[in-house]
Protein backbone atom coordinates (compact mmCIF):
# COMPACT_ATOMS: atom_id res chain seq x y z
CA MET A 1 -23.21 25.20 17.41
CA ASN A 2 -22.75 21.47 16.76
CA MET A 3 -19.48 20.56 15.81
CA ARG A 4 -20.45 17.33 14.61
CA ALA A 5 -22.61 19.05 11.98
CA THR A 6 -19.85 21.51 10.92
CA PRO A 7 -18.49 21.08 7.49
CA ALA A 8 -14.84 19.56 7.70
CA ALA A 9 -13.13 22.45 6.05
CA LEU A 10 -14.41 24.86 8.79
CA MET A 11 -13.61 22.67 11.64
CA PRO A 12 -10.57 22.86 13.89
CA ALA A 13 -8.15 19.85 14.38
CA ILE A 14 -9.98 17.23 16.29
CA HIS A 15 -8.31 15.32 19.16
CA PRO A 16 -8.19 11.40 18.58
CA VAL A 17 -10.09 11.05 22.02
CA SER A 18 -13.28 12.23 20.09
CA LEU A 19 -13.47 9.08 18.32
CA ARG A 20 -14.47 7.31 21.47
CA VAL A 21 -15.93 10.04 23.59
CA ASP A 22 -19.20 11.87 22.68
CA THR A 23 -19.31 15.15 24.38
CA TYR A 24 -22.21 17.02 25.53
CA LEU A 25 -22.42 20.82 26.24
CA ILE A 26 -25.42 21.79 28.49
CA ASN A 27 -26.29 25.28 27.69
CA LEU A 28 -29.55 27.29 28.18
CA ASP A 29 -30.91 28.96 25.03
CA ARG A 30 -31.08 32.22 26.60
CA ALA A 31 -27.31 31.91 27.75
CA PRO A 32 -25.61 32.59 24.37
CA LEU A 33 -22.59 34.25 25.86
CA ARG A 34 -21.78 31.08 27.91
CA ARG A 35 -22.20 28.99 24.79
CA PHE A 36 -19.71 31.11 22.76
CA ARG A 37 -17.18 30.89 25.46
CA MET A 38 -17.37 27.21 26.08
CA GLU A 39 -17.29 26.65 22.23
CA ARG A 40 -14.02 28.46 21.97
CA LEU A 41 -12.39 26.51 24.79
CA LEU A 42 -13.63 23.12 23.35
CA SER A 43 -12.37 24.03 20.07
CA GLY A 44 -9.23 25.21 21.40
CA ILE A 45 -8.43 21.82 22.75
CA GLY A 46 -9.97 19.70 19.82
CA LEU A 47 -12.99 18.23 21.36
CA ALA A 48 -15.76 17.57 19.14
CA PHE A 49 -19.14 18.31 20.80
CA GLU A 50 -22.77 18.62 20.78
CA ARG A 51 -24.79 21.32 22.47
CA VAL A 52 -27.68 20.14 24.67
CA ALA A 53 -30.33 22.90 25.18
CA ALA A 54 -30.84 22.69 28.93
CA VAL A 55 -33.94 22.34 30.44
CA ASP A 56 -35.29 25.84 31.42
CA GLY A 57 -36.55 25.52 34.97
CA ALA A 58 -38.47 28.93 34.38
CA ALA A 59 -40.61 26.75 31.90
CA LEU A 60 -41.23 23.81 34.27
CA SER A 61 -44.44 23.39 36.42
CA LEU A 62 -45.23 20.90 39.10
CA PRO A 63 -46.11 18.27 39.83
CA HIS A 64 -44.03 16.54 37.29
CA PRO A 65 -44.00 12.77 36.54
CA ASP A 66 -40.20 12.95 36.83
CA PHE A 67 -40.03 14.59 39.99
CA ASP A 68 -40.99 13.03 43.44
CA GLU A 69 -41.54 15.89 45.61
CA ALA A 70 -42.22 14.01 48.70
CA ALA A 71 -39.11 12.07 48.39
CA TYR A 72 -37.12 15.23 47.71
CA LEU A 73 -38.54 16.82 50.84
CA SER A 74 -37.71 13.98 53.05
CA ARG A 75 -34.27 13.38 51.84
CA HIS A 76 -33.06 16.84 51.03
CA GLY A 77 -35.24 19.08 53.21
CA ARG A 78 -36.03 21.82 51.05
CA TRP A 79 -38.69 23.27 48.79
CA PRO A 80 -38.58 22.07 45.11
CA ASN A 81 -36.23 24.65 43.16
CA PRO A 82 -37.40 24.70 39.46
CA PHE A 83 -33.96 25.50 38.13
CA GLU A 84 -32.36 22.57 40.08
CA ILE A 85 -35.13 20.53 38.45
CA GLY A 86 -34.16 21.70 35.15
CA CYS A 87 -30.57 20.98 35.69
CA PHE A 88 -31.28 17.39 36.63
CA PHE A 89 -33.42 16.85 33.70
CA SER A 90 -30.64 18.26 31.31
CA HIS A 91 -27.99 15.92 32.68
CA VAL A 92 -30.43 13.17 32.14
CA GLU A 93 -31.22 14.15 28.56
CA CYS A 94 -27.43 13.85 27.86
CA ALA A 95 -27.42 10.31 29.15
CA ARG A 96 -30.05 9.47 26.80
CA ARG A 97 -28.53 10.76 23.79
CA PHE A 98 -25.33 9.09 24.68
CA LEU A 99 -27.27 5.85 25.00
CA SER A 100 -29.02 6.41 21.52
CA GLY A 101 -25.59 6.37 19.83
CA ASN A 102 -22.63 4.06 19.51
CA ALA A 103 -19.87 5.85 21.54
CA GLU A 104 -18.06 4.00 24.24
CA PHE A 105 -17.84 6.90 26.56
CA ALA A 106 -19.65 10.32 27.08
CA LEU A 107 -18.09 13.52 28.60
CA ILE A 108 -20.83 15.70 30.13
CA LEU A 109 -20.19 19.47 30.66
CA GLU A 110 -21.93 22.42 32.14
CA ASP A 111 -21.31 25.79 30.69
CA ASP A 112 -19.59 27.60 33.54
CA LEU A 113 -16.01 25.89 33.26
CA ASP A 114 -12.36 26.58 32.88
CA PHE A 115 -10.21 23.82 31.42
CA ASP A 116 -6.36 23.05 31.90
CA ASP A 117 -4.71 22.82 28.69
CA ASP A 118 -3.99 19.12 29.08
CA LEU A 119 -7.68 17.98 29.39
CA ALA A 120 -7.82 15.93 26.22
CA GLU A 121 -4.45 14.24 27.00
CA VAL A 122 -5.97 13.39 30.53
CA LEU A 123 -9.29 11.87 28.94
CA GLU A 124 -7.04 9.83 26.73
CA ALA A 125 -4.89 8.50 29.68
CA ALA A 126 -8.07 7.91 31.91
CA LEU A 127 -9.55 5.71 28.91
CA GLN A 128 -6.59 3.48 29.41
CA HIS A 129 -7.90 2.92 33.21
CA GLN A 130 -11.65 2.33 32.20
CA ARG A 131 -12.02 -0.80 34.19
CA ARG A 132 -11.48 1.25 37.36
CA TRP A 133 -14.39 3.51 36.87
CA ASP A 134 -17.86 3.93 35.63
CA ILE A 135 -17.91 7.62 36.53
CA LEU A 136 -14.92 9.84 36.27
CA ARG A 137 -15.31 13.24 37.82
CA LEU A 138 -13.18 16.38 36.44
CA SER A 139 -14.44 18.95 38.53
CA THR A 140 -16.06 19.46 42.16
CA VAL A 141 -17.07 22.44 44.37
CA ASN A 142 -15.39 20.77 47.42
CA THR A 143 -11.98 20.52 48.78
CA GLY A 144 -12.21 16.99 50.35
CA ARG A 145 -8.84 14.86 50.20
CA LYS A 146 -8.47 12.68 47.09
CA HIS A 147 -6.78 9.36 47.77
CA HIS A 148 -4.38 8.37 44.73
CA VAL A 149 -4.87 4.83 43.35
CA ALA A 150 -2.90 5.13 39.94
CA PRO A 151 -0.97 7.51 37.91
CA LEU A 152 -2.58 8.97 34.87
CA THR A 153 0.08 11.45 33.58
CA ALA A 154 3.33 12.96 34.83
CA SER A 155 1.27 15.39 36.85
CA ARG A 156 -2.01 13.75 37.45
CA SER A 157 -3.59 10.70 39.17
CA LEU A 158 -6.75 8.60 39.32
CA ALA A 159 -8.19 9.02 42.93
CA ILE A 160 -10.99 7.97 45.16
CA ALA A 161 -12.83 10.52 47.54
CA LEU A 162 -14.28 8.89 50.70
CA THR A 163 -16.42 11.85 51.37
CA ARG A 164 -19.52 13.57 49.70
CA GLU A 165 -18.30 15.89 46.67
CA LYS A 166 -20.91 18.31 45.35
CA GLY A 167 -20.89 19.82 41.71
CA SER A 168 -21.54 18.19 38.25
CA GLY A 169 -19.92 20.67 36.10
CA ALA A 170 -17.43 17.96 34.17
CA TYR A 171 -17.49 14.18 34.17
CA LEU A 172 -16.91 11.18 32.08
CA ILE A 173 -19.26 8.18 32.13
CA ASN A 174 -19.64 4.96 30.46
CA ARG A 175 -22.51 3.18 29.04
CA LYS A 176 -23.52 1.53 32.35
CA ALA A 177 -23.17 4.62 34.33
CA ALA A 178 -25.45 6.24 31.90
CA GLY A 179 -28.08 3.32 31.82
CA TRP A 180 -28.27 4.29 35.63
CA ILE A 181 -28.61 8.20 35.32
CA ALA A 182 -31.36 7.68 32.62
CA GLY A 183 -33.20 5.09 34.59
CA ALA A 184 -32.75 4.59 38.31
CA LEU A 185 -32.12 7.99 39.14
CA LEU A 186 -35.62 8.87 38.03
CA PRO A 187 -37.75 10.14 39.26
CA MET A 188 -35.61 13.03 40.60
CA ARG A 189 -35.39 12.68 44.37
CA LEU A 190 -32.31 14.59 45.12
CA PRO A 191 -30.32 17.52 43.40
CA TYR A 192 -28.38 16.08 40.48
CA ASP A 193 -24.88 16.39 41.86
CA LEU A 194 -25.99 14.73 45.33
CA ALA A 195 -27.77 12.06 43.40
CA PHE A 196 -24.96 10.80 41.01
CA ASP A 197 -22.49 11.02 44.23
CA LEU A 198 -24.42 7.74 45.20
CA GLU A 199 -23.20 5.63 42.44
CA PHE A 200 -21.94 2.95 45.06
CA ASP A 201 -25.62 2.09 45.89
CA GLU A 202 -25.83 0.80 42.35
CA GLY A 203 -22.45 -1.15 42.41
CA LEU A 204 -20.96 1.51 40.10
CA SER A 205 -17.32 2.91 40.65
CA ALA A 206 -16.58 6.58 40.64
CA CYS A 207 -13.01 8.22 40.50
CA PHE A 208 -11.59 11.61 40.33
CA VAL A 209 -8.79 13.01 38.37
CA ASP A 210 -6.44 14.76 40.87
CA PRO A 211 -5.33 17.49 40.62
CA LEU A 212 -8.67 18.36 38.88
CA PRO A 213 -8.23 19.54 35.34
CA VAL A 214 -11.65 21.32 35.05
CA SER A 215 -12.67 24.18 37.48
CA GLN A 216 -16.43 25.02 38.08
CA ARG A 217 -16.38 28.83 38.17
CA ALA A 218 -18.57 30.27 40.94
CA ASP A 219 -21.11 32.36 38.96
CA ALA A 220 -23.14 35.08 40.57
CA CYS A 221 -25.70 34.76 37.80
CA SER A 222 -26.45 30.87 38.43
CA GLN A 223 -30.13 30.69 38.76
CA ILE A 224 -29.63 27.68 41.04
CA GLN A 225 -27.86 29.45 43.44
CA ALA A 226 -29.76 32.64 43.08
CA GLY A 227 -32.11 32.96 45.93
CA LEU A 228 -31.47 29.52 47.37
CA SER A 229 -32.46 30.65 50.87
CA ALA A 230 -35.94 30.87 49.65
CA TYR A 231 -35.92 27.20 49.34
CA ARG A 232 -34.71 26.35 52.87
CA LEU A 233 -37.30 25.06 55.32
CA GLY A 234 -34.95 25.79 58.33
CA ARG A 235 -36.51 24.48 61.58
CA ARG A 236 -39.58 23.02 59.46
CA ARG A 237 -37.16 20.68 57.68
CA PRO A 238 -38.49 16.84 58.12
CA TRP A 239 -36.69 14.82 60.79
CA SER A 240 -35.74 12.11 58.15
CA VAL A 241 -33.12 14.39 56.50
CA LEU A 242 -30.26 13.86 58.90
CA PRO A 243 -30.75 10.22 59.27
CA TYR A 244 -30.95 9.84 55.59
CA ARG A 245 -27.64 11.93 55.20
CA ALA A 246 -25.96 10.14 57.88
CA ALA A 247 -26.73 6.67 56.51
CA ALA A 248 -25.59 7.94 52.96
CA GLU A 249 -22.28 8.93 54.52
CA ILE A 250 -21.76 5.82 56.10
CA ARG A 251 -22.39 3.82 52.95
CA ARG A 252 -20.27 6.14 51.00
CA PHE A 253 -17.39 5.81 52.95
CA THR A 254 -17.57 2.05 53.53
CA ALA A 255 -18.10 1.30 49.77
CA ARG A 256 -15.25 3.74 48.69
CA PHE A 257 -12.89 2.73 51.49
CA ARG A 258 -12.86 -0.87 50.20
CA ARG A 259 -12.26 0.14 46.81
CA LEU A 260 -9.38 2.10 47.95
CA ALA A 261 -8.00 -0.51 50.29
CA ALA A 262 -8.40 -3.20 47.34
CA SER A 263 -6.65 -0.92 45.01
CA ARG A 264 -3.79 -0.32 47.27
CA ILE A 265 -3.40 -4.04 48.18
CA GLY A 266 -3.62 -4.92 44.38
CA GLY A 267 -0.85 -2.45 43.67
CA GLN A 268 1.30 -3.74 46.46
CA VAL A 269 0.88 -7.41 45.10
CA ARG A 270 1.68 -6.21 41.51
CA SER A 271 4.69 -4.39 42.79
CA ALA A 272 5.95 -7.40 44.78
CA GLY A 273 5.36 -9.51 41.89
CA SER A 274 7.45 -7.27 39.43
CA SER A 275 10.31 -7.16 42.21
CA GLY A 276 10.23 -10.91 42.34
CA LYS A 277 10.51 -11.21 38.60
CA ALA A 278 13.33 -8.63 38.54
CA ILE A 279 15.38 -10.91 41.27
CA GLU A 280 14.69 -14.12 39.47
CA THR A 281 16.07 -12.41 36.19
CA MET A 282 19.33 -11.43 37.99
CA ARG A 283 20.10 -14.59 39.53
CA PRO A 284 22.81 -16.67 37.72
CA GLY A 285 21.65 -19.44 35.47
């Protein structure tokens, strides 16, 4: 289903945020039940969307020009997982489709999600803070602390995570971030969720919505997770993996802590300025 091609008389009410955001749903052709479920969820909150047929890892063969196996082994320390590679290419395809159009932002979704009822309103509020982020993450499979930098709605805030966050189930990007995903991230050298968690290396800014409005469900049928142990190298893992991960963690913490500190200081300055104006107004003429 592609809601953008559905006759107007058959379409549900579309939320205004769809006018600024192109929504892409990644779904395997052989997973129709997932597609139907996600279509109902998206239609229910009024988000127009385009289904993107996921790249099926079962049909991939290596070597592949967009996969750097040597770099993958040295950085990730595992044998190539074809389903992980297919997931990576699927996200890149979404970024490419977004760049080929005229929308300001793209919402990219996998097909194993649950939405809170206010998702569309959260997106609309986040767009009012678009200068603060290039990537806005709406889900994660980690539980690391999120440090608030600005309120979005009465119950949710814009936040920064200082540690690694895995999972790429739902996120919003601008055109700058899409160019990075479709360009510098290729050839693939890490799983997608780890690669796009390194946005700071490109000078991009990432934020979270906290509490998260999207949950990424643990799916026992996930082919990426199924048989994952078969791709682990154990003691044969290259020596380069740990130094690479340690360096990435240091860069991540440093870059994001600077952003967090700058945001907090900026907020204090704005608050002090507002207080000063209020005092000046109260003084008798």
